[in-house]
Amino acid sequence: MRLLVGLGNPGTAYSRNRHNIGFMAADEIVRRHNFSGWKSKFQGEIAEGTIEGEKVLVLKPGTFMNLSGQSVGAAAAFYKIAPEDVFVFYDELDLAPAKMRIKKGGGSGGHNGIKSLDSHLGPDYWRVRLGIGHPGHKDRVHGYVLGDFAKADQPWLEALLDGAARHLPLLLAGNHNDYMSKIALSLPKPEKPDGI
């Protein structure tokens, strides 16, 4: 059994925030793979389904970002899911928009949701970092991550979320490079300025 976690903040006021790209990924995975409806459990919302014969749970903690580990830790303990079978989708300031990186373990990079998960699970779970770009100065980070995606972001955002869900079997099979490559190939190409 695998546990997929999308990080974000609960409530409609936050639903389109950059900080909520993890929730968006979780929603798209559940939609594309026809998982069960969301149920309230473990201080969050959980849905379940099967991908290539394996039971998969998707969890959106309802605890606000900084306390996400409480919800994830409770679900992992209840189902006896080891950290190496947990995949966490979340926003990454230090990656350009639409870029994705996957790694097991490591530091939190200042991400409060990841700090909380580390304290409840330890560091040995998989991190699926979804690039949202950086506003350019640390003083602008708070407003940037809690701001909504711009209209201009929608083409790459939709392609990234679609790819993350569509190619999920590759991630679960351990083919992380193929997973990232397939998604990168599906992203819209940046428009070239006129005359080039």
N, C-alpha and C. Protein backbone atom coordinates (compact mmCIF):
# COMPACT_ATOMS: atom_id res chain seq x y z
N MET A 1 0.84 -1.19 0.00
CA MET A 1 0.00 0.00 0.00
C MET A 1 0.88 1.25 0.00
N ARG A 2 0.45 2.25 -0.78
CA ARG A 2 1.19 3.51 -0.84
C ARG A 2 0.30 4.64 -0.33
N LEU A 3 0.94 5.63 0.23
CA LEU A 3 0.24 6.83 0.70
C LEU A 3 0.78 8.03 -0.06
N LEU A 4 -0.10 8.68 -0.82
CA LEU A 4 0.25 9.90 -1.54
C LEU A 4 -0.35 11.07 -0.78
N VAL A 5 0.47 12.08 -0.52
CA VAL A 5 0.03 13.23 0.28
C VAL A 5 0.18 14.49 -0.55
N GLY A 6 -0.86 15.30 -0.57
CA GLY A 6 -0.76 16.63 -1.16
C GLY A 6 -0.77 17.64 -0.04
N LEU A 7 0.18 18.56 -0.04
CA LEU A 7 0.22 19.57 1.01
C LEU A 7 -0.46 20.85 0.56
N GLY A 8 -1.13 21.49 1.49
CA GLY A 8 -1.80 22.76 1.22
C GLY A 8 -2.49 23.25 2.48
N ASN A 9 -3.26 24.30 2.33
CA ASN A 9 -4.07 24.83 3.43
C ASN A 9 -5.54 24.61 3.10
N PRO A 10 -6.34 24.17 4.10
CA PRO A 10 -7.76 23.90 3.84
C PRO A 10 -8.57 25.19 3.69
N GLY A 11 -9.66 25.09 2.95
CA GLY A 11 -10.57 26.23 2.81
C GLY A 11 -10.49 26.88 1.44
N THR A 12 -11.63 27.39 0.99
CA THR A 12 -11.70 27.95 -0.37
C THR A 12 -10.83 29.19 -0.54
N ALA A 13 -10.57 29.92 0.53
CA ALA A 13 -9.75 31.13 0.42
C ALA A 13 -8.34 30.80 -0.06
N TYR A 14 -7.88 29.58 0.20
CA TYR A 14 -6.51 29.18 -0.16
C TYR A 14 -6.44 28.31 -1.41
N SER A 15 -7.58 27.92 -1.95
CA SER A 15 -7.61 26.81 -2.91
C SER A 15 -6.78 27.03 -4.17
N ARG A 16 -6.61 28.28 -4.62
CA ARG A 16 -5.82 28.54 -5.83
C ARG A 16 -4.44 29.12 -5.52
N ASN A 17 -4.06 29.11 -4.24
CA ASN A 17 -2.74 29.62 -3.85
C ASN A 17 -1.62 28.75 -4.40
N ARG A 18 -0.47 29.37 -4.65
CA ARG A 18 0.72 28.61 -5.06
C ARG A 18 1.08 27.55 -4.01
N HIS A 19 0.87 27.90 -2.73
CA HIS A 19 1.20 26.99 -1.63
C HIS A 19 0.33 25.73 -1.68
N ASN A 20 -0.76 25.75 -2.44
CA ASN A 20 -1.69 24.64 -2.47
C ASN A 20 -1.53 23.74 -3.69
N ILE A 21 -0.42 23.85 -4.39
CA ILE A 21 -0.24 23.01 -5.58
C ILE A 21 -0.25 21.52 -5.22
N GLY A 22 0.15 21.18 -4.00
CA GLY A 22 0.09 19.78 -3.55
C GLY A 22 -1.34 19.27 -3.47
N PHE A 23 -2.26 20.11 -2.94
CA PHE A 23 -3.68 19.75 -2.91
C PHE A 23 -4.20 19.57 -4.34
N MET A 24 -3.79 20.48 -5.23
CA MET A 24 -4.24 20.41 -6.62
C MET A 24 -3.80 19.10 -7.27
N ALA A 25 -2.56 18.69 -6.99
CA ALA A 25 -2.05 17.42 -7.53
C ALA A 25 -2.86 16.25 -6.97
N ALA A 26 -3.16 16.28 -5.67
CA ALA A 26 -3.94 15.21 -5.05
C ALA A 26 -5.32 15.12 -5.69
N ASP A 27 -5.97 16.26 -5.89
CA ASP A 27 -7.30 16.28 -6.51
C ASP A 27 -7.26 15.68 -7.92
N GLU A 28 -6.22 16.02 -8.68
CA GLU A 28 -6.14 15.54 -10.06
C GLU A 28 -5.86 14.03 -10.10
N ILE A 29 -5.04 13.53 -9.17
CA ILE A 29 -4.77 12.08 -9.08
C ILE A 29 -6.07 11.33 -8.79
N VAL A 30 -6.82 11.82 -7.81
CA VAL A 30 -8.09 11.17 -7.43
C VAL A 30 -9.07 11.20 -8.59
N ARG A 31 -9.15 12.32 -9.30
CA ARG A 31 -10.08 12.45 -10.43
C ARG A 31 -9.70 11.50 -11.58
N ARG A 32 -8.43 11.56 -11.97
CA ARG A 32 -7.99 10.80 -13.14
C ARG A 32 -8.09 9.29 -12.92
N HIS A 33 -7.79 8.83 -11.71
CA HIS A 33 -7.75 7.39 -11.45
C HIS A 33 -9.04 6.87 -10.81
N ASN A 34 -10.09 7.71 -10.83
CA ASN A 34 -11.41 7.29 -10.34
C ASN A 34 -11.38 6.70 -8.94
N PHE A 35 -10.68 7.40 -8.04
CA PHE A 35 -10.64 6.96 -6.65
C PHE A 35 -12.00 7.21 -6.01
N SER A 36 -12.17 6.66 -4.80
CA SER A 36 -13.39 6.90 -4.03
C SER A 36 -13.53 8.39 -3.76
N GLY A 37 -14.72 8.79 -3.32
CA GLY A 37 -14.89 10.18 -2.90
C GLY A 37 -14.07 10.46 -1.64
N TRP A 38 -13.84 11.73 -1.37
CA TRP A 38 -13.07 12.13 -0.18
C TRP A 38 -13.88 11.84 1.08
N LYS A 39 -13.19 11.30 2.09
CA LYS A 39 -13.80 11.06 3.40
C LYS A 39 -12.98 11.78 4.45
N SER A 40 -13.66 12.30 5.47
CA SER A 40 -12.96 12.98 6.57
C SER A 40 -12.35 11.94 7.51
N LYS A 41 -11.04 12.00 7.65
CA LYS A 41 -10.32 11.04 8.50
C LYS A 41 -8.92 11.57 8.76
N PHE A 42 -8.34 11.23 9.89
CA PHE A 42 -6.95 11.59 10.22
C PHE A 42 -6.73 13.12 10.12
N GLN A 43 -7.69 13.89 10.62
CA GLN A 43 -7.59 15.35 10.57
C GLN A 43 -7.37 15.85 9.14
N GLY A 44 -8.02 15.20 8.22
CA GLY A 44 -7.88 15.60 6.82
C GLY A 44 -8.93 14.92 5.97
N GLU A 45 -8.66 14.85 4.67
CA GLU A 45 -9.53 14.16 3.74
C GLU A 45 -8.73 13.07 3.06
N ILE A 46 -9.34 11.89 2.94
CA ILE A 46 -8.62 10.76 2.35
C ILE A 46 -9.50 10.09 1.29
N ALA A 47 -8.87 9.66 0.22
CA ALA A 47 -9.54 8.92 -0.85
C ALA A 47 -8.70 7.68 -1.14
N GLU A 48 -9.36 6.64 -1.63
CA GLU A 48 -8.59 5.41 -1.92
C GLU A 48 -8.96 4.83 -3.27
N GLY A 49 -8.01 4.12 -3.82
CA GLY A 49 -8.21 3.50 -5.12
C GLY A 49 -7.12 2.49 -5.39
N THR A 50 -7.06 2.04 -6.64
CA THR A 50 -6.07 1.04 -7.03
C THR A 50 -5.36 1.53 -8.29
N ILE A 51 -4.04 1.42 -8.29
CA ILE A 51 -3.25 1.75 -9.48
C ILE A 51 -2.39 0.53 -9.80
N GLU A 52 -2.65 -0.04 -10.97
CA GLU A 52 -1.94 -1.23 -11.44
C GLU A 52 -1.89 -2.32 -10.36
N GLY A 53 -3.08 -2.57 -9.78
CA GLY A 53 -3.22 -3.67 -8.83
C GLY A 53 -2.82 -3.37 -7.41
N GLU A 54 -2.30 -2.18 -7.14
CA GLU A 54 -1.84 -1.85 -5.79
C GLU A 54 -2.78 -0.82 -5.16
N LYS A 55 -3.13 -1.05 -3.89
CA LYS A 55 -3.98 -0.09 -3.18
C LYS A 55 -3.19 1.18 -2.90
N VAL A 56 -3.82 2.31 -3.19
CA VAL A 56 -3.19 3.62 -3.01
C VAL A 56 -4.16 4.53 -2.27
N LEU A 57 -3.65 5.21 -1.25
CA LEU A 57 -4.43 6.21 -0.51
C LEU A 57 -3.91 7.58 -0.87
N VAL A 58 -4.81 8.56 -0.98
CA VAL A 58 -4.42 9.95 -1.20
C VAL A 58 -4.97 10.77 -0.04
N LEU A 59 -4.10 11.56 0.58
CA LEU A 59 -4.46 12.32 1.78
C LEU A 59 -4.18 13.80 1.58
N LYS A 60 -5.17 14.62 1.97
CA LYS A 60 -4.98 16.07 2.05
C LYS A 60 -5.17 16.46 3.51
N PRO A 61 -4.07 16.76 4.23
CA PRO A 61 -4.21 17.15 5.63
C PRO A 61 -5.09 18.39 5.78
N GLY A 62 -5.94 18.38 6.79
CA GLY A 62 -6.81 19.53 7.03
C GLY A 62 -6.34 20.39 8.18
N THR A 63 -5.07 20.26 8.53
CA THR A 63 -4.53 20.86 9.75
C THR A 63 -3.84 22.20 9.52
N PHE A 64 -3.88 22.73 8.30
CA PHE A 64 -3.03 23.82 7.86
C PHE A 64 -1.60 23.29 7.71
N MET A 65 -0.90 23.95 6.80
CA MET A 65 0.41 23.47 6.34
C MET A 65 1.37 23.15 7.48
N ASN A 66 1.47 24.05 8.45
CA ASN A 66 2.50 23.91 9.49
C ASN A 66 2.32 22.70 10.39
N LEU A 67 1.13 22.10 10.37
CA LEU A 67 0.85 20.94 11.22
C LEU A 67 0.53 19.68 10.41
N SER A 68 0.90 19.69 9.13
CA SER A 68 0.56 18.58 8.22
C SER A 68 1.02 17.23 8.75
N GLY A 69 2.13 17.20 9.43
CA GLY A 69 2.69 15.94 9.91
C GLY A 69 1.78 15.19 10.85
N GLN A 70 0.93 15.90 11.60
CA GLN A 70 0.00 15.23 12.52
C GLN A 70 -0.93 14.31 11.75
N SER A 71 -1.51 14.84 10.67
CA SER A 71 -2.44 14.08 9.85
C SER A 71 -1.74 12.92 9.13
N VAL A 72 -0.60 13.21 8.52
CA VAL A 72 0.13 12.19 7.75
C VAL A 72 0.65 11.10 8.68
N GLY A 73 1.19 11.50 9.82
CA GLY A 73 1.71 10.53 10.78
C GLY A 73 0.62 9.60 11.28
N ALA A 74 -0.57 10.14 11.54
CA ALA A 74 -1.69 9.32 12.02
C ALA A 74 -2.13 8.31 10.95
N ALA A 75 -2.22 8.77 9.69
CA ALA A 75 -2.63 7.86 8.61
C ALA A 75 -1.60 6.77 8.38
N ALA A 76 -0.33 7.14 8.36
CA ALA A 76 0.74 6.16 8.13
C ALA A 76 0.78 5.13 9.26
N ALA A 77 0.58 5.58 10.50
CA ALA A 77 0.60 4.65 11.63
C ALA A 77 -0.60 3.70 11.58
N PHE A 78 -1.78 4.23 11.26
CA PHE A 78 -2.99 3.41 11.22
C PHE A 78 -2.88 2.31 10.18
N TYR A 79 -2.38 2.64 9.01
CA TYR A 79 -2.28 1.66 7.92
C TYR A 79 -0.93 0.93 7.90
N LYS A 80 -0.07 1.24 8.86
CA LYS A 80 1.26 0.63 8.95
C LYS A 80 2.05 0.81 7.64
N ILE A 81 2.04 2.05 7.14
CA ILE A 81 2.75 2.38 5.91
C ILE A 81 4.12 2.95 6.26
N ALA A 82 5.17 2.33 5.75
CA ALA A 82 6.54 2.77 6.04
C ALA A 82 6.82 4.09 5.31
N PRO A 83 7.73 4.92 5.86
CA PRO A 83 8.04 6.20 5.21
C PRO A 83 8.43 6.06 3.74
N GLU A 84 9.13 4.98 3.37
CA GLU A 84 9.56 4.84 1.97
C GLU A 84 8.40 4.56 1.02
N ASP A 85 7.20 4.33 1.56
CA ASP A 85 5.99 4.16 0.74
C ASP A 85 5.08 5.38 0.78
N VAL A 86 5.62 6.49 1.29
CA VAL A 86 4.89 7.76 1.35
C VAL A 86 5.50 8.72 0.33
N PHE A 87 4.64 9.33 -0.50
CA PHE A 87 5.06 10.31 -1.51
C PHE A 87 4.33 11.62 -1.24
N VAL A 88 5.09 12.69 -1.06
CA VAL A 88 4.50 13.98 -0.67
C VAL A 88 4.68 14.98 -1.81
N PHE A 89 3.59 15.52 -2.31
CA PHE A 89 3.58 16.52 -3.38
C PHE A 89 3.45 17.90 -2.75
N TYR A 90 4.39 18.81 -3.08
CA TYR A 90 4.33 20.14 -2.46
C TYR A 90 5.05 21.18 -3.31
N ASP A 91 4.80 22.44 -2.97
CA ASP A 91 5.36 23.57 -3.70
C ASP A 91 6.83 23.78 -3.35
N GLU A 92 7.62 24.13 -4.36
CA GLU A 92 9.06 24.37 -4.18
C GLU A 92 9.45 25.71 -4.78
N LEU A 93 9.80 26.64 -3.92
CA LEU A 93 10.23 27.99 -4.35
C LEU A 93 11.50 27.96 -5.17
N ASP A 94 12.41 27.05 -4.84
CA ASP A 94 13.73 27.04 -5.47
C ASP A 94 13.78 26.28 -6.79
N LEU A 95 12.61 25.94 -7.33
CA LEU A 95 12.54 25.37 -8.67
C LEU A 95 11.72 26.29 -9.55
N ALA A 96 12.14 26.43 -10.80
CA ALA A 96 11.39 27.26 -11.74
C ALA A 96 9.98 26.71 -11.92
N PRO A 97 9.02 27.56 -12.26
CA PRO A 97 7.67 27.08 -12.47
C PRO A 97 7.62 25.90 -13.45
N ALA A 98 6.84 24.89 -13.08
CA ALA A 98 6.61 23.67 -13.88
C ALA A 98 7.72 22.64 -13.78
N LYS A 99 8.84 22.97 -13.15
CA LYS A 99 9.89 21.97 -12.95
C LYS A 99 9.48 21.03 -11.81
N MET A 100 9.96 19.82 -11.89
CA MET A 100 9.68 18.83 -10.85
C MET A 100 10.97 18.10 -10.48
N ARG A 101 11.15 17.84 -9.21
CA ARG A 101 12.27 17.04 -8.74
C ARG A 101 11.75 16.06 -7.70
N ILE A 102 12.32 14.86 -7.70
CA ILE A 102 11.90 13.82 -6.76
C ILE A 102 13.13 13.36 -6.00
N LYS A 103 13.00 13.27 -4.70
CA LYS A 103 14.11 12.72 -3.91
C LYS A 103 13.56 12.11 -2.64
N LYS A 104 14.35 11.19 -2.09
CA LYS A 104 13.99 10.58 -0.81
C LYS A 104 14.88 11.20 0.25
N GLY A 105 14.26 11.64 1.34
CA GLY A 105 15.02 12.24 2.43
C GLY A 105 15.52 13.62 2.09
N GLY A 106 16.38 14.14 2.96
CA GLY A 106 16.91 15.48 2.76
C GLY A 106 16.34 16.45 3.78
N GLY A 107 16.71 17.72 3.62
CA GLY A 107 16.24 18.74 4.55
C GLY A 107 14.89 19.30 4.12
N SER A 108 14.39 20.23 4.92
CA SER A 108 13.07 20.81 4.66
C SER A 108 13.13 21.99 3.69
N GLY A 109 14.33 22.57 3.50
CA GLY A 109 14.44 23.75 2.64
C GLY A 109 13.63 24.92 3.15
N GLY A 110 13.33 24.93 4.46
CA GLY A 110 12.55 26.01 5.04
C GLY A 110 11.04 25.85 4.87
N HIS A 111 10.61 24.74 4.27
CA HIS A 111 9.18 24.50 4.04
C HIS A 111 8.54 23.97 5.32
N ASN A 112 7.59 24.73 5.88
CA ASN A 112 7.03 24.36 7.18
C ASN A 112 6.23 23.06 7.14
N GLY A 113 5.59 22.76 6.02
CA GLY A 113 4.88 21.48 5.92
C GLY A 113 5.84 20.31 5.98
N ILE A 114 6.97 20.44 5.31
CA ILE A 114 7.97 19.37 5.32
C ILE A 114 8.62 19.24 6.70
N LYS A 115 8.87 20.36 7.36
CA LYS A 115 9.40 20.31 8.74
C LYS A 115 8.46 19.50 9.63
N SER A 116 7.15 19.74 9.48
CA SER A 116 6.17 19.03 10.29
C SER A 116 6.16 17.54 9.96
N LEU A 117 6.23 17.21 8.68
CA LEU A 117 6.28 15.79 8.30
C LEU A 117 7.54 15.11 8.86
N ASP A 118 8.67 15.80 8.75
CA ASP A 118 9.92 15.23 9.28
C ASP A 118 9.78 14.88 10.76
N SER A 119 9.09 15.74 11.52
CA SER A 119 8.98 15.52 12.96
C SER A 119 8.06 14.34 13.29
N HIS A 120 7.15 13.98 12.38
CA HIS A 120 6.21 12.88 12.63
C HIS A 120 6.58 11.58 11.92
N LEU A 121 7.28 11.68 10.78
CA LEU A 121 7.61 10.48 9.99
C LEU A 121 9.09 10.18 9.97
N GLY A 122 9.92 11.15 10.35
CA GLY A 122 11.35 11.05 10.06
C GLY A 122 11.56 11.54 8.63
N PRO A 123 12.81 11.56 8.14
CA PRO A 123 13.08 12.17 6.84
C PRO A 123 12.97 11.22 5.63
N ASP A 124 12.71 9.93 5.83
CA ASP A 124 12.92 8.95 4.76
C ASP A 124 11.70 8.67 3.89
N TYR A 125 10.90 9.70 3.60
CA TYR A 125 9.79 9.56 2.66
C TYR A 125 10.17 10.26 1.36
N TRP A 126 9.39 10.02 0.32
CA TRP A 126 9.67 10.61 -0.99
C TRP A 126 9.08 12.00 -1.10
N ARG A 127 9.86 12.93 -1.61
CA ARG A 127 9.40 14.32 -1.80
C ARG A 127 9.27 14.59 -3.29
N VAL A 128 8.08 14.95 -3.71
CA VAL A 128 7.82 15.32 -5.10
C VAL A 128 7.66 16.84 -5.11
N ARG A 129 8.75 17.51 -5.46
CA ARG A 129 8.80 18.97 -5.37
C ARG A 129 8.32 19.59 -6.68
N LEU A 130 7.28 20.40 -6.60
CA LEU A 130 6.66 21.03 -7.76
C LEU A 130 7.04 22.50 -7.79
N GLY A 131 7.79 22.90 -8.80
CA GLY A 131 8.32 24.25 -8.87
C GLY A 131 7.25 25.31 -9.06
N ILE A 132 7.33 26.35 -8.24
CA ILE A 132 6.43 27.51 -8.39
C ILE A 132 7.22 28.79 -8.66
N GLY A 133 8.57 28.68 -8.67
CA GLY A 133 9.39 29.87 -8.87
C GLY A 133 9.51 30.68 -7.59
N HIS A 134 10.39 31.67 -7.63
CA HIS A 134 10.68 32.51 -6.46
C HIS A 134 10.35 33.96 -6.82
N PRO A 135 9.78 34.71 -5.87
CA PRO A 135 9.43 36.11 -6.18
C PRO A 135 10.63 37.04 -6.30
N GLY A 136 11.83 36.55 -5.95
CA GLY A 136 13.03 37.36 -6.14
C GLY A 136 13.66 37.88 -4.87
N HIS A 137 12.87 38.04 -3.82
CA HIS A 137 13.41 38.53 -2.54
C HIS A 137 12.69 37.82 -1.40
N LYS A 138 13.43 37.46 -0.35
CA LYS A 138 12.84 36.69 0.74
C LYS A 138 11.69 37.42 1.43
N ASP A 139 11.71 38.76 1.42
CA ASP A 139 10.63 39.52 2.06
C ASP A 139 9.30 39.37 1.33
N ARG A 140 9.35 38.92 0.07
CA ARG A 140 8.12 38.79 -0.72
C ARG A 140 7.59 37.35 -0.74
N VAL A 141 8.31 36.43 -0.11
CA VAL A 141 7.95 35.01 -0.20
C VAL A 141 6.56 34.73 0.40
N HIS A 142 6.28 35.24 1.58
CA HIS A 142 5.01 34.94 2.26
C HIS A 142 3.82 35.31 1.39
N GLY A 143 3.79 36.52 0.90
CA GLY A 143 2.69 36.96 0.04
C GLY A 143 2.63 36.21 -1.27
N TYR A 144 3.80 35.81 -1.77
CA TYR A 144 3.86 35.10 -3.05
C TYR A 144 3.25 33.70 -2.93
N VAL A 145 3.68 32.94 -1.92
CA VAL A 145 3.17 31.56 -1.81
C VAL A 145 1.69 31.54 -1.45
N LEU A 146 1.23 32.56 -0.71
CA LEU A 146 -0.19 32.62 -0.34
C LEU A 146 -1.00 33.43 -1.36
N GLY A 147 -0.38 33.77 -2.48
CA GLY A 147 -1.09 34.41 -3.58
C GLY A 147 -1.55 33.35 -4.56
N ASP A 148 -2.58 33.68 -5.32
CA ASP A 148 -3.10 32.74 -6.32
C ASP A 148 -2.19 32.67 -7.54
N PHE A 149 -2.23 31.53 -8.21
CA PHE A 149 -1.55 31.42 -9.50
C PHE A 149 -2.14 32.44 -10.46
N ALA A 150 -1.29 33.04 -11.28
CA ALA A 150 -1.73 34.02 -12.26
C ALA A 150 -2.38 33.30 -13.45
N LYS A 151 -3.18 34.06 -14.21
CA LYS A 151 -3.81 33.49 -15.40
C LYS A 151 -2.76 32.94 -16.36
N ALA A 152 -1.63 33.63 -16.46
CA ALA A 152 -0.55 33.19 -17.36
C ALA A 152 0.07 31.87 -16.93
N ASP A 153 -0.11 31.50 -15.66
CA ASP A 153 0.43 30.24 -15.15
C ASP A 153 -0.42 29.03 -15.53
N GLN A 154 -1.67 29.26 -15.92
CA GLN A 154 -2.61 28.15 -16.07
C GLN A 154 -2.17 27.08 -17.08
N PRO A 155 -1.62 27.44 -18.26
CA PRO A 155 -1.24 26.37 -19.20
C PRO A 155 -0.21 25.40 -18.64
N TRP A 156 0.86 25.91 -18.02
CA TRP A 156 1.86 24.98 -17.49
C TRP A 156 1.34 24.28 -16.24
N LEU A 157 0.56 24.99 -15.42
CA LEU A 157 0.04 24.38 -14.20
C LEU A 157 -0.87 23.20 -14.53
N GLU A 158 -1.78 23.40 -15.47
CA GLU A 158 -2.69 22.32 -15.85
C GLU A 158 -1.93 21.15 -16.47
N ALA A 159 -0.93 21.44 -17.28
CA ALA A 159 -0.14 20.37 -17.90
C ALA A 159 0.67 19.59 -16.86
N LEU A 160 1.23 20.32 -15.89
CA LEU A 160 2.02 19.68 -14.83
C LEU A 160 1.14 18.76 -13.99
N LEU A 161 -0.02 19.26 -13.58
CA LEU A 161 -0.92 18.47 -12.74
C LEU A 161 -1.47 17.26 -13.51
N ASP A 162 -1.82 17.48 -14.78
CA ASP A 162 -2.30 16.38 -15.61
C ASP A 162 -1.22 15.31 -15.75
N GLY A 163 0.02 15.73 -16.02
CA GLY A 163 1.12 14.78 -16.18
C GLY A 163 1.42 14.04 -14.90
N ALA A 164 1.38 14.75 -13.78
CA ALA A 164 1.67 14.13 -12.48
C ALA A 164 0.69 13.00 -12.20
N ALA A 165 -0.58 13.20 -12.59
CA ALA A 165 -1.60 12.17 -12.38
C ALA A 165 -1.53 11.08 -13.45
N ARG A 166 -1.41 11.49 -14.71
CA ARG A 166 -1.43 10.55 -15.84
C ARG A 166 -0.30 9.52 -15.74
N HIS A 167 0.90 9.98 -15.40
CA HIS A 167 2.08 9.11 -15.41
C HIS A 167 2.42 8.54 -14.03
N LEU A 168 1.48 8.64 -13.09
CA LEU A 168 1.72 8.20 -11.72
C LEU A 168 2.22 6.76 -11.61
N PRO A 169 1.75 5.81 -12.45
CA PRO A 169 2.28 4.45 -12.33
C PRO A 169 3.81 4.38 -12.42
N LEU A 170 4.42 5.26 -13.20
CA LEU A 170 5.89 5.28 -13.30
C LEU A 170 6.52 5.64 -11.96
N LEU A 171 5.94 6.63 -11.29
CA LEU A 171 6.47 7.05 -9.97
C LEU A 171 6.37 5.89 -8.98
N LEU A 172 5.21 5.25 -8.95
CA LEU A 172 5.00 4.18 -7.98
C LEU A 172 5.85 2.95 -8.28
N ALA A 173 6.23 2.79 -9.55
CA ALA A 173 7.10 1.66 -9.93
C ALA A 173 8.58 1.97 -9.69
N GLY A 174 8.89 3.18 -9.24
CA GLY A 174 10.28 3.55 -8.98
C GLY A 174 11.00 4.12 -10.19
N ASN A 175 10.28 4.35 -11.29
CA ASN A 175 10.89 4.92 -12.50
C ASN A 175 10.80 6.45 -12.45
N HIS A 176 11.50 7.03 -11.49
CA HIS A 176 11.36 8.47 -11.23
C HIS A 176 11.85 9.33 -12.39
N ASN A 177 12.94 8.94 -13.03
CA ASN A 177 13.45 9.74 -14.15
C ASN A 177 12.48 9.71 -15.33
N ASP A 178 11.91 8.53 -15.61
CA ASP A 178 10.92 8.44 -16.69
C ASP A 178 9.69 9.27 -16.37
N TYR A 179 9.28 9.24 -15.10
CA TYR A 179 8.12 10.02 -14.65
C TYR A 179 8.36 11.51 -14.91
N MET A 180 9.52 12.02 -14.47
CA MET A 180 9.83 13.44 -14.66
C MET A 180 9.97 13.79 -16.14
N SER A 181 10.57 12.88 -16.93
CA SER A 181 10.76 13.14 -18.36
C SER A 181 9.44 13.22 -19.10
N LYS A 182 8.54 12.26 -18.81
CA LYS A 182 7.24 12.27 -19.48
C LYS A 182 6.48 13.55 -19.18
N ILE A 183 6.56 13.99 -17.94
CA ILE A 183 5.86 15.22 -17.56
C ILE A 183 6.49 16.41 -18.26
N ALA A 184 7.82 16.48 -18.26
CA ALA A 184 8.51 17.61 -18.90
C ALA A 184 8.16 17.70 -20.38
N LEU A 185 8.05 16.55 -21.04
CA LEU A 185 7.73 16.54 -22.47
C LEU A 185 6.29 16.99 -22.76
N SER A 186 5.43 16.88 -21.76
CA SER A 186 4.02 17.25 -21.97
C SER A 186 3.75 18.73 -21.69
N LEU A 187 4.75 19.43 -21.17
CA LEU A 187 4.54 20.84 -20.81
C LEU A 187 4.54 21.72 -22.06
N PRO A 188 3.76 22.80 -22.04
CA PRO A 188 3.76 23.71 -23.19
C PRO A 188 5.14 24.34 -23.37
N LYS A 189 5.55 24.53 -24.61
CA LYS A 189 6.85 25.17 -24.88
C LYS A 189 6.72 26.67 -24.65
N PRO A 190 7.76 27.29 -24.05
CA PRO A 190 7.70 28.74 -23.85
C PRO A 190 7.60 29.45 -25.21
N GLU A 191 6.81 30.48 -25.25
CA GLU A 191 6.67 31.23 -26.51
C GLU A 191 7.93 32.03 -26.75
N LYS A 192 8.41 31.98 -28.00
CA LYS A 192 9.59 32.77 -28.36
C LYS A 192 9.14 34.19 -28.73
N PRO A 193 9.94 35.19 -28.35
CA PRO A 193 9.61 36.54 -28.76
C PRO A 193 9.61 36.66 -30.29
N ASP A 194 8.83 37.58 -30.81
CA ASP A 194 8.77 37.77 -32.27
C ASP A 194 10.14 38.07 -32.83
N GLY A 195 10.39 37.56 -34.02
CA GLY A 195 11.65 37.87 -34.70
C GLY A 195 12.77 36.92 -34.38
N ILE A 196 12.52 35.86 -33.60
CA ILE A 196 13.59 34.91 -33.26
C ILE A 196 13.38 33.63 -34.04
